[in-house]
Amino acid sequence: MNWKRLNRNVHYWISIGIALPLLIIIGSGIFLQLKKESSWIQPTTQDGSTQVPTLSYDRLLAVTKTIPECEVSSWEDIDRLDVRPSQGVIKVRCKNRWEAQIDAASGEVLQVSYRRSDLIESIHDGSFFHDRVKLWIFLPASVLLFLMWITGIVLFLIPFQVKRNAKQKRALYTAQKRAQD
């Protein structure tokens, strides 16, 4: 089989095989690019009253328990804390994807919002569907996309190589013809 035809066939069939995973990766990636620009995706960070966090963990948990959306009854319900001393805020990310922004000194609730960026990230890397989907579908799709990129570069360069070869053949033919005359 001709290597050019093989290259085209590889490029063609891989593109069909990875179309759906790549559509998901690209679509969610667009949202992730905009997460700092859109409070719908990721809540905008509010500014607290101080740059020195003085709020104790016990008080932080007590304040978070008072927020109905967070559905927090213990530390088990909290996914992570994001302490931003320069902004005087502590972000409490709950396991139900709600985020409470609390003043790091006074304990005042500055904002409570649903955080979609973590969900979008899990869709983007495939773990939303299942950890095996992440490793057995999205990872191979990424590797195959790299192979498609290589075959696409080859397909792009082939016409230039053909023109170059034709030009060299014409030059050689012309040189031989002049040598004969």
Protein backbone atom coordinates (compact mmCIF):
# COMPACT_ATOMS: atom_id res chain seq x y z
CA MET A 1 0.00 0.00 0.00
CA ASN A 2 1.15 3.50 -0.81
CA TRP A 3 2.36 5.36 2.33
CA LYS A 4 0.40 8.49 1.30
CA ARG A 5 -2.82 6.51 1.12
CA LEU A 6 -2.03 4.81 4.44
CA ASN A 7 -1.41 8.22 6.02
CA ARG A 8 -4.76 9.53 4.73
CA ASN A 9 -6.60 6.40 5.91
CA VAL A 10 -5.04 6.58 9.37
CA HIS A 11 -5.96 10.26 9.58
CA TYR A 12 -9.51 9.59 8.36
CA TRP A 13 -10.38 6.63 10.59
CA ILE A 14 -8.80 8.03 13.74
CA SER A 15 -10.81 11.22 13.29
CA ILE A 16 -14.03 9.21 13.29
CA GLY A 17 -12.99 7.16 16.32
CA ILE A 18 -12.11 10.11 18.56
CA ALA A 19 -14.79 12.57 17.47
CA LEU A 20 -17.10 12.27 20.50
CA PRO A 21 -14.43 12.35 23.24
CA LEU A 22 -12.75 15.31 21.55
CA LEU A 23 -16.05 17.14 21.20
CA ILE A 24 -16.51 16.77 24.98
CA ILE A 25 -12.91 17.81 25.72
CA ILE A 26 -13.06 20.85 23.42
CA GLY A 27 -16.52 21.96 24.57
CA SER A 28 -15.67 21.73 28.26
CA GLY A 29 -12.26 23.29 27.60
CA ILE A 30 -13.95 26.37 26.16
CA PHE A 31 -15.94 26.73 29.39
CA LEU A 32 -12.78 26.26 31.46
CA GLN A 33 -11.03 29.01 29.50
CA LEU A 34 -13.84 31.34 30.57
CA LYS A 35 -14.11 30.29 34.23
CA LYS A 36 -12.39 33.41 35.59
CA GLU A 37 -14.50 35.60 33.31
CA SER A 38 -17.87 34.13 34.25
CA SER A 39 -19.27 34.00 37.78
CA TRP A 40 -21.75 31.37 36.51
CA ILE A 41 -18.85 28.92 36.08
CA GLN A 42 -16.70 29.94 39.04
CA PRO A 43 -17.84 32.47 41.65
CA THR A 44 -15.90 35.73 41.70
CA THR A 45 -13.67 36.03 44.75
CA GLN A 46 -14.92 38.65 47.21
CA ASP A 47 -12.64 40.80 49.36
CA GLY A 48 -12.66 40.44 53.11
CA SER A 49 -11.86 43.01 55.76
CA THR A 50 -8.27 42.07 56.57
CA GLN A 51 -5.16 40.51 55.11
CA VAL A 52 -4.48 38.52 58.29
CA PRO A 53 -6.75 35.49 58.76
CA THR A 54 -7.81 35.26 62.42
CA LEU A 55 -10.92 33.11 62.11
CA SER A 56 -10.56 29.77 63.91
CA TYR A 57 -11.49 26.49 62.24
CA ASP A 58 -14.21 25.89 64.83
CA ARG A 59 -15.80 29.27 64.07
CA LEU A 60 -15.41 28.68 60.32
CA LEU A 61 -17.24 25.35 60.60
CA ALA A 62 -19.97 26.93 62.75
CA VAL A 63 -20.52 29.72 60.21
CA THR A 64 -20.60 27.24 57.32
CA LYS A 65 -23.18 25.10 59.14
CA THR A 66 -25.56 28.10 59.17
CA ILE A 67 -25.62 28.29 55.37
CA PRO A 68 -28.50 26.10 54.11
CA GLU A 69 -27.14 25.65 50.55
CA CYS A 70 -23.88 24.17 51.81
CA GLU A 71 -25.62 21.32 53.66
CA VAL A 72 -22.71 21.06 56.11
CA SER A 73 -23.07 19.21 59.40
CA SER A 74 -19.40 18.28 59.93
CA TRP A 75 -15.96 18.54 58.35
CA GLU A 76 -16.89 15.43 56.32
CA ASP A 77 -19.19 17.61 54.20
CA ILE A 78 -16.39 20.02 53.24
CA ASP A 79 -14.24 19.22 50.23
CA ARG A 80 -11.54 21.87 50.74
CA LEU A 81 -10.65 25.27 52.08
CA ASP A 82 -9.05 27.95 49.96
CA VAL A 83 -7.48 30.59 52.19
CA ARG A 84 -6.65 33.86 50.43
CA PRO A 85 -4.83 36.08 52.96
CA SER A 86 -4.22 38.89 50.45
CA GLN A 87 -7.99 39.17 49.91
CA GLY A 88 -9.02 38.42 53.48
CA VAL A 89 -11.31 35.60 52.46
CA ILE A 90 -11.64 31.88 53.06
CA LYS A 91 -13.47 29.89 50.40
CA VAL A 92 -15.21 26.82 51.76
CA ARG A 93 -15.89 24.34 48.98
CA CYS A 94 -18.53 21.86 50.00
CA LYS A 95 -18.91 18.36 48.62
CA ASN A 96 -22.26 19.33 47.07
CA ARG A 97 -20.37 21.88 44.87
CA TRP A 98 -21.59 24.95 46.75
CA GLU A 99 -18.96 27.50 47.74
CA ALA A 100 -19.18 29.88 50.69
CA GLN A 101 -16.80 32.83 50.83
CA ILE A 102 -16.29 33.91 54.41
CA ASP A 103 -14.43 36.93 55.77
CA ALA A 104 -11.18 35.59 57.28
CA ALA A 105 -11.41 37.86 60.31
CA SER A 106 -15.06 38.50 61.18
CA GLY A 107 -16.68 35.29 59.93
CA GLU A 108 -19.19 37.26 57.86
CA VAL A 109 -20.57 35.36 54.90
CA LEU A 110 -19.55 37.37 51.84
CA GLN A 111 -21.03 35.16 49.13
CA VAL A 112 -22.65 31.76 48.62
CA SER A 113 -22.64 30.41 45.06
CA TYR A 114 -22.83 27.16 43.16
CA ARG A 115 -19.41 26.30 41.73
CA ARG A 116 -19.63 24.64 38.29
CA SER A 117 -15.94 24.72 37.37
CA ASP A 118 -15.11 21.50 39.27
CA LEU A 119 -17.95 19.69 37.49
CA ILE A 120 -16.77 21.02 34.12
CA GLU A 121 -13.19 19.94 34.91
CA SER A 122 -14.38 16.40 35.71
CA ILE A 123 -16.27 16.32 32.38
CA HIS A 124 -13.17 17.67 30.62
CA ASP A 125 -10.86 14.93 31.91
CA GLY A 126 -13.49 12.16 31.68
CA SER A 127 -13.62 11.34 35.40
CA PHE A 128 -17.24 12.58 35.52
CA PHE A 129 -18.28 9.50 33.54
CA HIS A 130 -16.00 7.01 35.32
CA ASP A 131 -12.31 6.75 36.20
CA ARG A 132 -11.94 4.04 33.56
CA VAL A 133 -13.45 6.32 30.93
CA LYS A 134 -10.77 8.85 31.82
CA LEU A 135 -7.98 6.29 31.33
CA TRP A 136 -9.39 4.05 28.59
CA ILE A 137 -11.26 6.52 26.37
CA PHE A 138 -10.09 10.10 26.98
CA LEU A 139 -6.37 9.30 27.33
CA PRO A 140 -6.25 7.16 24.15
CA ALA A 141 -8.30 9.82 22.33
CA SER A 142 -5.65 12.37 23.30
CA VAL A 143 -2.83 10.11 22.10
CA LEU A 144 -4.69 9.47 18.86
CA LEU A 145 -5.26 13.21 18.45
CA PHE A 146 -1.48 13.64 18.64
CA LEU A 147 -1.13 10.96 15.93
CA MET A 148 -3.73 12.79 13.85
CA TRP A 149 -1.75 16.00 14.28
CA ILE A 150 1.36 14.26 12.93
CA THR A 151 -0.50 12.74 9.97
CA GLY A 152 -2.17 16.11 9.33
CA ILE A 153 1.24 17.80 9.15
CA VAL A 154 2.37 15.13 6.69
CA LEU A 155 -0.78 15.65 4.60
CA PHE A 156 -0.10 19.39 4.66
CA LEU A 157 3.54 18.99 3.56
CA ILE A 158 2.98 16.41 0.79
CA PRO A 159 1.91 18.95 -1.89
CA PHE A 160 5.00 21.06 -1.18
CA GLN A 161 7.23 17.98 -1.50
CA VAL A 162 5.51 16.97 -4.76
CA LYS A 163 6.01 20.48 -6.20
CA ARG A 164 9.64 20.51 -5.09
CA ASN A 165 10.30 17.11 -6.66
CA ALA A 166 8.61 18.18 -9.91
CA LYS A 167 10.67 21.36 -10.00
CA GLN A 168 13.89 19.38 -9.46
CA LYS A 169 12.93 16.93 -12.21
CA ARG A 170 12.22 19.80 -14.62
CA ALA A 171 15.54 21.42 -13.75
CA LEU A 172 17.38 18.11 -14.24
CA TYR A 173 15.58 17.47 -17.52
CA THR A 174 16.40 21.00 -18.73
CA ALA A 175 20.06 20.59 -17.72
CA GLN A 176 20.30 17.23 -19.52
CA LYS A 177 18.64 18.68 -22.61
CA ARG A 178 21.12 21.60 -22.70
CA ALA A 179 24.03 19.20 -22.25
CA GLN A 180 22.84 17.19 -25.26
CA ASP A 181 22.54 20.26 -27.48
